[in-house]
């Protein structure tokens, strides 16, 4: 018998679904923050030449956030 010290057991079922939902909410919030900062301050991606990309990025972050929120409501 060999035991691995410090290994974690993969989550299954409801715990895994919650983790995926919270992870996608975090990614959506990070995307929204990055694209808003770029649109307003021009810092991470170069600003004004990519304003259309910033707007589409904000829309995509909103869609991902909405889908994650809706999935969390279905999970409860």
PDB file of N, CA and C in Angstrom:
ATOM      1  N   UNK A   1       0.831  -1.189   0.000  1.00  0.00           N
ATOM      2  CA  UNK A   1       0.000   0.000   0.000  1.00  0.00           C
ATOM      3  C   UNK A   1       0.870   1.244   0.000  1.00  0.00           C
ATOM      4  N   UNK A   2       0.611   2.089  -0.899  1.00  0.00           N
ATOM      5  CA  UNK A   2       1.365   3.339  -0.928  1.00  0.00           C
ATOM      6  C   UNK A   2       0.394   4.499  -0.742  1.00  0.00           C
ATOM      7  N   UNK A   3       0.722   5.351   0.153  1.00  0.00           N
ATOM      8  CA  UNK A   3      -0.107   6.525   0.419  1.00  0.00           C
ATOM      9  C   UNK A   3       0.665   7.775   0.015  1.00  0.00           C
ATOM     10  N   UNK A   4      -0.012   8.635  -0.695  1.00  0.00           N
ATOM     11  CA  UNK A   4       0.601   9.888  -1.107  1.00  0.00           C
ATOM     12  C   UNK A   4       0.242  10.937  -0.067  1.00  0.00           C
ATOM     13  N   UNK A   5       1.245  11.508   0.528  1.00  0.00           N
ATOM     14  CA  UNK A   5       1.020  12.498   1.562  1.00  0.00           C
ATOM     15  C   UNK A   5       0.742  13.846   0.920  1.00  0.00           C
ATOM     16  N   UNK A   6      -0.321  14.492   1.366  1.00  0.00           N
ATOM     17  CA  UNK A   6      -0.642  15.829   0.872  1.00  0.00           C
ATOM     18  C   UNK A   6      -1.428  15.851  -0.416  1.00  0.00           C
ATOM     19  N   UNK A   7      -1.899  14.698  -0.885  1.00  0.00           N
ATOM     20  CA  UNK A   7      -2.689  14.708  -2.119  1.00  0.00           C
ATOM     21  C   UNK A   7      -4.133  15.047  -1.796  1.00  0.00           C
ATOM     22  N   UNK A   8      -4.766  15.716  -2.708  1.00  0.00           N
ATOM     23  CA  UNK A   8      -6.166  16.064  -2.504  1.00  0.00           C
ATOM     24  C   UNK A   8      -7.035  15.174  -3.377  1.00  0.00           C
ATOM     25  N   UNK A   9      -8.178  14.854  -2.865  1.00  0.00           N
ATOM     26  CA  UNK A   9      -9.118  14.025  -3.595  1.00  0.00           C
ATOM     27  C   UNK A   9      -9.909  14.919  -4.540  1.00  0.00           C
ATOM     28  N   UNK A  10     -10.023  14.547  -5.807  1.00  0.00           N
ATOM     29  CA  UNK A  10     -10.798  15.377  -6.733  1.00  0.00           C
ATOM     30  C   UNK A  10     -12.252  15.465  -6.288  1.00  0.00           C
ATOM     31  N   UNK A  11     -12.810  16.644  -6.471  1.00  0.00           N
ATOM     32  CA  UNK A  11     -14.195  16.848  -6.072  1.00  0.00           C
ATOM     33  C   UNK A  11     -15.120  16.285  -7.136  1.00  0.00           C
ATOM     34  N   UNK A  12     -16.237  15.767  -6.676  1.00  0.00           N
ATOM     35  CA  UNK A  12     -17.230  15.226  -7.601  1.00  0.00           C
ATOM     36  C   UNK A  12     -18.583  15.830  -7.277  1.00  0.00           C
ATOM     37  N   UNK A  13     -19.455  15.802  -8.233  1.00  0.00           N
ATOM     38  CA  UNK A  13     -20.835  16.202  -8.014  1.00  0.00           C
ATOM     39  C   UNK A  13     -21.020  17.683  -7.765  1.00  0.00           C
ATOM     40  N   UNK A  14     -21.788  17.977  -6.728  1.00  0.00           N
ATOM     41  CA  UNK A  14     -22.197  19.336  -6.423  1.00  0.00           C
ATOM     42  C   UNK A  14     -21.015  20.248  -6.086  1.00  0.00           C
ATOM     43  N   UNK A  15     -20.034  19.728  -5.378  1.00  0.00           N
ATOM     44  CA  UNK A  15     -18.868  20.545  -5.011  1.00  0.00           C
ATOM     45  C   UNK A  15     -18.086  20.961  -6.251  1.00  0.00           C
ATOM     46  N   UNK A  16     -17.963  20.055  -7.211  1.00  0.00           N
ATOM     47  CA  UNK A  16     -17.251  20.391  -8.445  1.00  0.00           C
ATOM     48  C   UNK A  16     -18.033  21.437  -9.237  1.00  0.00           C
ATOM     49  N   UNK A  17     -19.349  21.298  -9.282  1.00  0.00           N
ATOM     50  CA  UNK A  17     -20.167  22.266 -10.017  1.00  0.00           C
ATOM     51  C   UNK A  17     -20.062  23.652  -9.399  1.00  0.00           C
ATOM     52  N   UNK A  18     -20.075  23.721  -8.073  1.00  0.00           N
ATOM     53  CA  UNK A  18     -19.922  25.015  -7.405  1.00  0.00           C
ATOM     54  C   UNK A  18     -18.563  25.628  -7.712  1.00  0.00           C
ATOM     55  N   UNK A  19     -17.524  24.821  -7.694  1.00  0.00           N
ATOM     56  CA  UNK A  19     -16.184  25.316  -8.005  1.00  0.00           C
ATOM     57  C   UNK A  19     -16.083  25.852  -9.414  1.00  0.00           C
ATOM     58  N   UNK A  20     -16.687  25.152 -10.361  1.00  0.00           N
ATOM     59  CA  UNK A  20     -16.670  25.612 -11.750  1.00  0.00           C
ATOM     60  C   UNK A  20     -17.455  26.905 -11.920  1.00  0.00           C
ATOM     61  N   UNK A  21     -18.580  27.009 -11.223  1.00  0.00           N
ATOM     62  CA  UNK A  21     -19.392  28.225 -11.322  1.00  0.00           C
ATOM     63  C   UNK A  21     -18.643  29.413 -10.733  1.00  0.00           C
ATOM     64  N   UNK A  22     -18.069  29.229  -9.544  1.00  0.00           N
ATOM     65  CA  UNK A  22     -17.339  30.332  -8.915  1.00  0.00           C
ATOM     66  C   UNK A  22     -16.082  30.690  -9.712  1.00  0.00           C
ATOM     67  N   UNK A  23     -15.463  29.703 -10.312  1.00  0.00           N
ATOM     68  CA  UNK A  23     -14.312  29.980 -11.170  1.00  0.00           C
ATOM     69  C   UNK A  23     -14.690  30.790 -12.392  1.00  0.00           C
ATOM     70  N   UNK A  24     -15.815  30.453 -13.010  1.00  0.00           N
ATOM     71  CA  UNK A  24     -16.239  31.216 -14.187  1.00  0.00           C
ATOM     72  C   UNK A  24     -16.701  32.617 -13.806  1.00  0.00           C
ATOM     73  N   UNK A  25     -17.296  32.784 -12.625  1.00  0.00           N
ATOM     74  CA  UNK A  25     -17.635  34.129 -12.158  1.00  0.00           C
ATOM     75  C   UNK A  25     -16.364  34.952 -11.930  1.00  0.00           C
ATOM     76  N   UNK A  26     -15.342  34.324 -11.387  1.00  0.00           N
ATOM     77  CA  UNK A  26     -14.069  35.025 -11.180  1.00  0.00           C
ATOM     78  C   UNK A  26     -13.416  35.426 -12.488  1.00  0.00           C
ATOM     79  N   UNK A  27     -13.447  34.541 -13.469  1.00  0.00           N
ATOM     80  CA  UNK A  27     -12.879  34.859 -14.783  1.00  0.00           C
ATOM     81  C   UNK A  27     -13.648  35.998 -15.439  1.00  0.00           C
ATOM     82  N   UNK A  28     -14.979  35.981 -15.332  1.00  0.00           N
ATOM     83  CA  UNK A  28     -15.794  37.047 -15.903  1.00  0.00           C
ATOM     84  C   UNK A  28     -15.485  38.386 -15.238  1.00  0.00           C
ATOM     85  N   UNK A  29     -15.333  38.374 -13.914  1.00  0.00           N
ATOM     86  CA  UNK A  29     -15.020  39.622 -13.205  1.00  0.00           C
ATOM     87  C   UNK A  29     -13.635  40.134 -13.589  1.00  0.00           C
ATOM     88  N   UNK A  30     -12.668  39.233 -13.725  1.00  0.00           N
ATOM     89  CA  UNK A  30     -11.319  39.636 -14.127  1.00  0.00           C
ATOM     90  C   UNK A  30     -11.310  40.200 -15.545  1.00  0.00           C
ATOM     91  N   UNK A  31     -12.023  39.539 -16.463  1.00  0.00           N
ATOM     92  CA  UNK A  31     -12.122  40.053 -17.835  1.00  0.00           C
ATOM     93  C   UNK A  31     -12.754  41.435 -17.860  1.00  0.00           C
ATOM     94  N   UNK A  32     -13.848  41.592 -17.114  1.00  0.00           N
ATOM     95  CA  UNK A  32     -14.537  42.880 -17.071  1.00  0.00           C
ATOM     96  C   UNK A  32     -13.621  43.966 -16.531  1.00  0.00           C
ATOM     97  N   UNK A  33     -12.903  43.663 -15.479  1.00  0.00           N
ATOM     98  CA  UNK A  33     -11.978  44.629 -14.895  1.00  0.00           C
ATOM     99  C   UNK A  33     -10.869  45.016 -15.870  1.00  0.00           C
ATOM    100  N   UNK A  34     -10.260  44.040 -16.518  1.00  0.00           N
ATOM    101  CA  UNK A  34      -9.175  44.329 -17.463  1.00  0.00           C
ATOM    102  C   UNK A  34      -9.648  45.174 -18.644  1.00  0.00           C
ATOM    103  N   UNK A  35     -10.784  44.816 -19.224  1.00  0.00           N
ATOM    104  CA  UNK A  35     -11.260  45.562 -20.382  1.00  0.00           C
ATOM    105  C   UNK A  35     -11.744  46.957 -20.006  1.00  0.00           C
ATOM    106  N   UNK A  36     -12.336  47.107 -18.822  1.00  0.00           N
ATOM    107  CA  UNK A  36     -12.739  48.443 -18.381  1.00  0.00           C
ATOM    108  C   UNK A  36     -11.531  49.334 -18.122  1.00  0.00           C
ATOM    109  N   UNK A  37     -10.508  48.783 -17.476  1.00  0.00           N
ATOM    110  CA  UNK A  37      -9.285  49.565 -17.230  1.00  0.00           C
ATOM    111  C   UNK A  37      -8.652  49.970 -18.556  1.00  0.00           C
ATOM    112  N   UNK A  38      -8.636  49.054 -19.520  1.00  0.00           N
ATOM    113  CA  UNK A  38      -8.041  49.382 -20.814  1.00  0.00           C
ATOM    114  C   UNK A  38      -8.856  50.443 -21.537  1.00  0.00           C
ATOM    115  N   UNK A  39     -10.170  50.357 -21.442  1.00  0.00           N
ATOM    116  CA  UNK A  39     -11.014  51.337 -22.116  1.00  0.00           C
ATOM    117  C   UNK A  39     -10.870  52.717 -21.491  1.00  0.00           C
ATOM    118  N   UNK A  40     -10.775  52.764 -20.167  1.00  0.00           N
ATOM    119  CA  UNK A  40     -10.715  54.051 -19.477  1.00  0.00           C
ATOM    120  C   UNK A  40      -9.299  54.619 -19.368  1.00  0.00           C
ATOM    121  N   UNK A  41      -8.316  53.766 -19.078  1.00  0.00           N
ATOM    122  CA  UNK A  41      -6.962  54.254 -18.829  1.00  0.00           C
ATOM    123  C   UNK A  41      -5.974  53.912 -19.937  1.00  0.00           C
ATOM    124  N   UNK A  42      -6.317  52.929 -20.776  1.00  0.00           N
ATOM    125  CA  UNK A  42      -5.417  52.552 -21.857  1.00  0.00           C
ATOM    126  C   UNK A  42      -4.204  51.772 -21.409  1.00  0.00           C
ATOM    127  N   UNK A  43      -4.285  51.111 -20.261  1.00  0.00           N
ATOM    128  CA  UNK A  43      -3.084  50.493 -19.715  1.00  0.00           C
ATOM    129  C   UNK A  43      -2.753  49.091 -20.228  1.00  0.00           C
ATOM    130  N   UNK A  44      -3.519  48.034 -19.975  1.00  0.00           N
ATOM    131  CA  UNK A  44      -2.973  46.705 -20.270  1.00  0.00           C
ATOM    132  C   UNK A  44      -2.789  46.391 -21.752  1.00  0.00           C
ATOM    133  N   UNK A  45      -3.713  46.815 -22.616  1.00  0.00           N
ATOM    134  CA  UNK A  45      -3.673  46.367 -24.009  1.00  0.00           C
ATOM    135  C   UNK A  45      -3.398  47.474 -25.012  1.00  0.00           C
ATOM    136  N   UNK A  46      -3.260  48.694 -24.605  1.00  0.00           N
ATOM    137  CA  UNK A  46      -2.917  49.742 -25.533  1.00  0.00           C
ATOM    138  C   UNK A  46      -3.965  50.817 -25.742  1.00  0.00           C
ATOM    139  N   UNK A  47      -5.118  50.673 -25.150  1.00  0.00           N
ATOM    140  CA  UNK A  47      -6.084  51.767 -25.151  1.00  0.00           C
ATOM    141  C   UNK A  47      -6.868  51.989 -26.411  1.00  0.00           C
ATOM    142  N   UNK A  48      -6.872  53.226 -26.891  1.00  0.00           N
ATOM    143  CA  UNK A  48      -7.820  53.692 -27.897  1.00  0.00           C
ATOM    144  C   UNK A  48      -7.804  52.963 -29.240  1.00  0.00           C
ATOM    145  N   UNK A  49      -6.674  52.486 -29.761  1.00  0.00           N
ATOM    146  CA  UNK A  49      -6.788  51.770 -31.042  1.00  0.00           C
ATOM    147  C   UNK A  49      -7.633  50.501 -30.944  1.00  0.00           C
ATOM    148  N   UNK A  50      -7.786  49.990 -29.728  1.00  0.00           N
ATOM    149  CA  UNK A  50      -8.520  48.745 -29.535  1.00  0.00           C
ATOM    150  C   UNK A  50      -9.820  48.966 -28.761  1.00  0.00           C
ATOM    151  N   UNK A  51     -10.445  50.111 -28.919  1.00  0.00           N
ATOM    152  CA  UNK A  51     -11.672  50.422 -28.177  1.00  0.00           C
ATOM    153  C   UNK A  51     -12.808  49.473 -28.539  1.00  0.00           C
ATOM    154  N   UNK A  52     -12.900  49.099 -29.804  1.00  0.00           N
ATOM    155  CA  UNK A  52     -13.958  48.170 -30.228  1.00  0.00           C
ATOM    156  C   UNK A  52     -13.740  46.806 -29.582  1.00  0.00           C
ATOM    157  N   UNK A  53     -12.504  46.375 -29.516  1.00  0.00           N
ATOM    158  CA  UNK A  53     -12.181  45.107 -28.864  1.00  0.00           C
ATOM    159  C   UNK A  53     -12.521  45.178 -27.381  1.00  0.00           C
ATOM    160  N   UNK A  54     -12.272  46.317 -26.752  1.00  0.00           N
ATOM    161  CA  UNK A  54     -12.612  46.491 -25.347  1.00  0.00           C
ATOM    162  C   UNK A  54     -14.115  46.372 -25.123  1.00  0.00           C
ATOM    163  N   UNK A  55     -14.894  46.981 -25.998  1.00  0.00           N
ATOM    164  CA  UNK A  55     -16.353  46.918 -25.865  1.00  0.00           C
ATOM    165  C   UNK A  55     -16.838  45.481 -26.021  1.00  0.00           C
ATOM    166  N   UNK A  56     -16.324  44.780 -27.025  1.00  0.00           N
ATOM    167  CA  UNK A  56     -16.712  43.383 -27.205  1.00  0.00           C
ATOM    168  C   UNK A  56     -16.225  42.513 -26.041  1.00  0.00           C
ATOM    169  N   UNK A  57     -15.083  42.830 -25.475  1.00  0.00           N
ATOM    170  CA  UNK A  57     -14.601  42.106 -24.303  1.00  0.00           C
ATOM    171  C   UNK A  57     -15.491  42.316 -23.099  1.00  0.00           C
ATOM    172  N   UNK A  58     -15.977  43.540 -22.921  1.00  0.00           N
ATOM    173  CA  UNK A  58     -16.902  43.833 -21.816  1.00  0.00           C
ATOM    174  C   UNK A  58     -18.213  43.087 -22.024  1.00  0.00           C
ATOM    175  N   UNK A  59     -18.701  43.049 -23.258  1.00  0.00           N
ATOM    176  CA  UNK A  59     -19.932  42.303 -23.552  1.00  0.00           C
ATOM    177  C   UNK A  59     -19.729  40.817 -23.289  1.00  0.00           C
ATOM    178  N   UNK A  60     -18.587  40.268 -23.721  1.00  0.00           N
ATOM    179  CA  UNK A  60     -18.296  38.849 -23.491  1.00  0.00           C
ATOM    180  C   UNK A  60     -18.199  38.538 -22.002  1.00  0.00           C
ATOM    181  N   UNK A  61     -17.571  39.425 -21.232  1.00  0.00           N
ATOM    182  CA  UNK A  61     -17.481  39.225 -19.786  1.00  0.00           C
ATOM    183  C   UNK A  61     -18.875  39.256 -19.155  1.00  0.00           C
ATOM    184  N   UNK A  62     -19.732  40.130 -19.635  1.00  0.00           N
ATOM    185  CA  UNK A  62     -21.098  40.179 -19.138  1.00  0.00           C
ATOM    186  C   UNK A  62     -21.872  38.909 -19.444  1.00  0.00           C
ATOM    187  N   UNK A  63     -21.682  38.371 -20.643  1.00  0.00           N
ATOM    188  CA  UNK A  63     -22.364  37.127 -21.023  1.00  0.00           C
ATOM    189  C   UNK A  63     -21.881  35.969 -20.159  1.00  0.00           C
ATOM    190  N   UNK A  64     -20.569  35.850 -19.977  1.00  0.00           N
ATOM    191  CA  UNK A  64     -20.018  34.780 -19.145  1.00  0.00           C
ATOM    192  C   UNK A  64     -20.502  34.928 -17.702  1.00  0.00           C
ATOM    193  N   UNK A  65     -20.515  36.145 -17.194  1.00  0.00           N
ATOM    194  CA  UNK A  65     -20.995  36.385 -15.840  1.00  0.00           C
ATOM    195  C   UNK A  65     -22.463  36.033 -15.692  1.00  0.00           C
ATOM    196  N   UNK A  66     -23.274  36.405 -16.676  1.00  0.00           N
ATOM    197  CA  UNK A  66     -24.698  36.077 -16.622  1.00  0.00           C
ATOM    198  C   UNK A  66     -24.916  34.567 -16.655  1.00  0.00           C
ATOM    199  N   UNK A  67     -24.199  33.877 -17.528  1.00  0.00           N
ATOM    200  CA  UNK A  67     -24.357  32.429 -17.618  1.00  0.00           C
ATOM    201  C   UNK A  67     -23.945  31.737 -16.321  1.00  0.00           C
ATOM    202  N   UNK A  68     -22.875  32.214 -15.707  1.00  0.00           N
ATOM    203  CA  UNK A  68     -22.443  31.635 -14.438  1.00  0.00           C
ATOM    204  C   UNK A  68     -23.456  31.926 -13.342  1.00  0.00           C
ATOM    205  N   UNK A  69     -23.990  33.131 -13.310  1.00  0.00           N
ATOM    206  CA  UNK A  69     -25.009  33.499 -12.324  1.00  0.00           C
ATOM    207  C   UNK A  69     -26.260  32.642 -12.503  1.00  0.00           C
ATOM    208  N   UNK A  70     -26.688  32.480 -13.741  1.00  0.00           N
ATOM    209  CA  UNK A  70     -27.867  31.683 -14.032  1.00  0.00           C
ATOM    210  C   UNK A  70     -27.636  30.221 -13.642  1.00  0.00           C
ATOM    211  N   UNK A  71     -26.446  29.702 -13.915  1.00  0.00           N
ATOM    212  CA  UNK A  71     -26.128  28.324 -13.521  1.00  0.00           C
ATOM    213  C   UNK A  71     -26.112  28.172 -12.004  1.00  0.00           C
ATOM    214  N   UNK A  72     -25.653  29.200 -11.289  1.00  0.00           N
ATOM    215  CA  UNK A  72     -25.659  29.103  -9.830  1.00  0.00           C
ATOM    216  C   UNK A  72     -27.076  29.097  -9.289  1.00  0.00           C
ATOM    217  N   UNK A  73     -27.972  29.814  -9.929  1.00  0.00           N
ATOM    218  CA  UNK A  73     -29.380  29.798  -9.505  1.00  0.00           C
ATOM    219  C   UNK A  73     -30.015  28.434  -9.790  1.00  0.00           C
ATOM    220  N   UNK A  74     -29.628  27.794 -10.894  1.00  0.00           N
ATOM    221  CA  UNK A  74     -30.147  26.451 -11.202  1.00  0.00           C
ATOM    222  C   UNK A  74     -29.610  25.416 -10.228  1.00  0.00           C
ATOM    223  N   UNK A  75     -28.434  25.633  -9.710  1.00  0.00           N
ATOM    224  CA  UNK A  75     -27.808  24.671  -8.808  1.00  0.00           C
ATOM    225  C   UNK A  75     -28.480  24.650  -7.441  1.00  0.00           C
ATOM    226  N   UNK A  76     -29.049  25.777  -7.041  1.00  0.00           N
ATOM    227  CA  UNK A  76     -29.670  25.857  -5.706  1.00  0.00           C
ATOM    228  C   UNK A  76     -30.988  25.204  -5.638  1.00  0.00           C
TER     229      UNK A  76
END
